[in-house]
Amino acid sequence: MKLTILLNGQRCEVQRGITLAAALAGSPSRRSVSGKPRAALCGMGICHECRVTVDGHAQQRACQVLVREGMEVECEA
């Protein structure tokens, strides 16, 4: 079953019951300051590579947040 989130202002359908990091895997919106693709490395909140803004709260670790209907996610480009 799917649900809808807003990713950088765009509606995205994602699988229910997964972490935000899993939902963002492969998303071209995640970039390092040097422009290289960026993703979660550890998957357990230690590396901080998956930080995003969720519903206006900055520095949230996407690997620790479950997706929920209507959540607004902003990834720094």
C-alpha atoms as a PDB file:
ATOM      1  CA  MET A   1       0.000   0.000   0.000  1.00  0.00           C
ATOM      2  CA  LYS A   2       1.302   3.461  -0.874  1.00  0.00           C
ATOM      3  CA  LEU A   3       1.021   6.913   0.634  1.00  0.00           C
ATOM      4  CA  THR A   4       1.875  10.405  -0.583  1.00  0.00           C
ATOM      5  CA  ILE A   5       4.603  12.712   0.739  1.00  0.00           C
ATOM      6  CA  LEU A   6       5.850  16.052  -0.527  1.00  0.00           C
ATOM      7  CA  LEU A   7       9.519  15.959  -1.526  1.00  0.00           C
ATOM      8  CA  ASN A   8      10.926  19.402  -2.260  1.00  0.00           C
ATOM      9  CA  GLY A   9       7.390  20.550  -3.059  1.00  0.00           C
ATOM     10  CA  GLN A  10       6.634  17.648  -5.418  1.00  0.00           C
ATOM     11  CA  ARG A  11       4.116  14.919  -4.640  1.00  0.00           C
ATOM     12  CA  CYS A  12       5.701  11.465  -4.410  1.00  0.00           C
ATOM     13  CA  GLU A  13       4.063   8.114  -3.823  1.00  0.00           C
ATOM     14  CA  VAL A  14       6.073   5.879  -1.514  1.00  0.00           C
ATOM     15  CA  GLN A  15       5.572   2.510   0.117  1.00  0.00           C
ATOM     16  CA  ARG A  16       3.869   2.611   3.513  1.00  0.00           C
ATOM     17  CA  GLY A  17       5.878   1.298   6.506  1.00  0.00           C
ATOM     18  CA  ILE A  18       9.400   2.173   5.300  1.00  0.00           C
ATOM     19  CA  THR A  19      11.899   4.720   6.526  1.00  0.00           C
ATOM     20  CA  LEU A  20      12.256   8.034   4.815  1.00  0.00           C
ATOM     21  CA  ALA A  21      15.824   7.053   3.827  1.00  0.00           C
ATOM     22  CA  ALA A  22      14.467   4.012   1.986  1.00  0.00           C
ATOM     23  CA  ALA A  23      11.861   6.183   0.256  1.00  0.00           C
ATOM     24  CA  LEU A  24      14.564   8.641  -0.833  1.00  0.00           C
ATOM     25  CA  ALA A  25      17.004   5.971  -2.044  1.00  0.00           C
ATOM     26  CA  GLY A  26      17.975   6.771  -5.597  1.00  0.00           C
ATOM     27  CA  SER A  27      16.423  10.223  -5.467  1.00  0.00           C
ATOM     28  CA  PRO A  28      18.450  12.736  -7.488  1.00  0.00           C
ATOM     29  CA  SER A  29      17.577  15.418  -4.912  1.00  0.00           C
ATOM     30  CA  ARG A  30      20.198  14.215  -2.422  1.00  0.00           C
ATOM     31  CA  ARG A  31      23.586  15.826  -3.186  1.00  0.00           C
ATOM     32  CA  SER A  32      26.715  16.574  -1.186  1.00  0.00           C
ATOM     33  CA  VAL A  33      28.210  20.065  -1.113  1.00  0.00           C
ATOM     34  CA  SER A  34      30.503  18.977  -3.956  1.00  0.00           C
ATOM     35  CA  GLY A  35      27.497  17.874  -6.039  1.00  0.00           C
ATOM     36  CA  LYS A  36      27.992  14.124  -5.706  1.00  0.00           C
ATOM     37  CA  PRO A  37      25.008  11.848  -4.988  1.00  0.00           C
ATOM     38  CA  ARG A  38      24.411  11.446  -1.262  1.00  0.00           C
ATOM     39  CA  ALA A  39      22.573   8.694   0.613  1.00  0.00           C
ATOM     40  CA  ALA A  40      22.347   7.059   4.005  1.00  0.00           C
ATOM     41  CA  LEU A  41      25.495   5.074   4.728  1.00  0.00           C
ATOM     42  CA  CYS A  42      24.935   3.410   8.063  1.00  0.00           C
ATOM     43  CA  GLY A  43      21.143   3.172   8.184  1.00  0.00           C
ATOM     44  CA  MET A  44      21.117   3.505  11.980  1.00  0.00           C
ATOM     45  CA  GLY A  45      21.583   7.224  12.663  1.00  0.00           C
ATOM     46  CA  ILE A  46      25.324   7.378  13.265  1.00  0.00           C
ATOM     47  CA  CYS A  47      26.723   8.804  10.010  1.00  0.00           C
ATOM     48  CA  HIS A  48      24.237  11.715   9.673  1.00  0.00           C
ATOM     49  CA  GLU A  49      24.510  11.518   5.849  1.00  0.00           C
ATOM     50  CA  CYS A  50      20.732  11.262   5.483  1.00  0.00           C
ATOM     51  CA  ARG A  51      19.767  14.506   7.229  1.00  0.00           C
ATOM     52  CA  VAL A  52      16.711  16.273   5.799  1.00  0.00           C
ATOM     53  CA  THR A  53      14.079  18.753   6.938  1.00  0.00           C
ATOM     54  CA  VAL A  54      10.798  17.059   7.869  1.00  0.00           C
ATOM     55  CA  ASP A  55       7.672  19.151   8.421  1.00  0.00           C
ATOM     56  CA  GLY A  56       9.845  22.204   9.112  1.00  0.00           C
ATOM     57  CA  HIS A  57      12.181  20.435  11.556  1.00  0.00           C
ATOM     58  CA  ALA A  58      15.769  20.581  10.249  1.00  0.00           C
ATOM     59  CA  GLN A  59      18.502  17.966  10.672  1.00  0.00           C
ATOM     60  CA  GLN A  60      16.188  14.944  10.909  1.00  0.00           C
ATOM     61  CA  ARG A  61      17.875  11.618  10.180  1.00  0.00           C
ATOM     62  CA  ALA A  62      15.837  10.043   7.382  1.00  0.00           C
ATOM     63  CA  CYS A  63      16.975   6.548   8.383  1.00  0.00           C
ATOM     64  CA  GLN A  64      15.221   7.005  11.735  1.00  0.00           C
ATOM     65  CA  VAL A  65      11.905   8.459  10.470  1.00  0.00           C
ATOM     66  CA  LEU A  66       9.045   6.341   9.141  1.00  0.00           C
ATOM     67  CA  VAL A  67       7.107   7.847   6.232  1.00  0.00           C
ATOM     68  CA  ARG A  68       3.606   9.065   6.966  1.00  0.00           C
ATOM     69  CA  GLU A  69       0.833  10.454   4.808  1.00  0.00           C
ATOM     70  CA  GLY A  70       1.318  14.112   3.859  1.00  0.00           C
ATOM     71  CA  MET A  71       4.756  14.632   5.437  1.00  0.00           C
ATOM     72  CA  GLU A  72       6.756  17.446   3.864  1.00  0.00           C
ATOM     73  CA  VAL A  73      10.412  16.680   3.218  1.00  0.00           C
ATOM     74  CA  GLU A  74      13.059  19.109   2.026  1.00  0.00           C
ATOM     75  CA  CYS A  75      16.458  17.916   0.871  1.00  0.00           C
ATOM     76  CA  GLU A  76      19.274  20.386   0.501  1.00  0.00           C
ATOM     77  CA  ALA A  77      20.363  20.449  -3.114  1.00  0.00           C
END
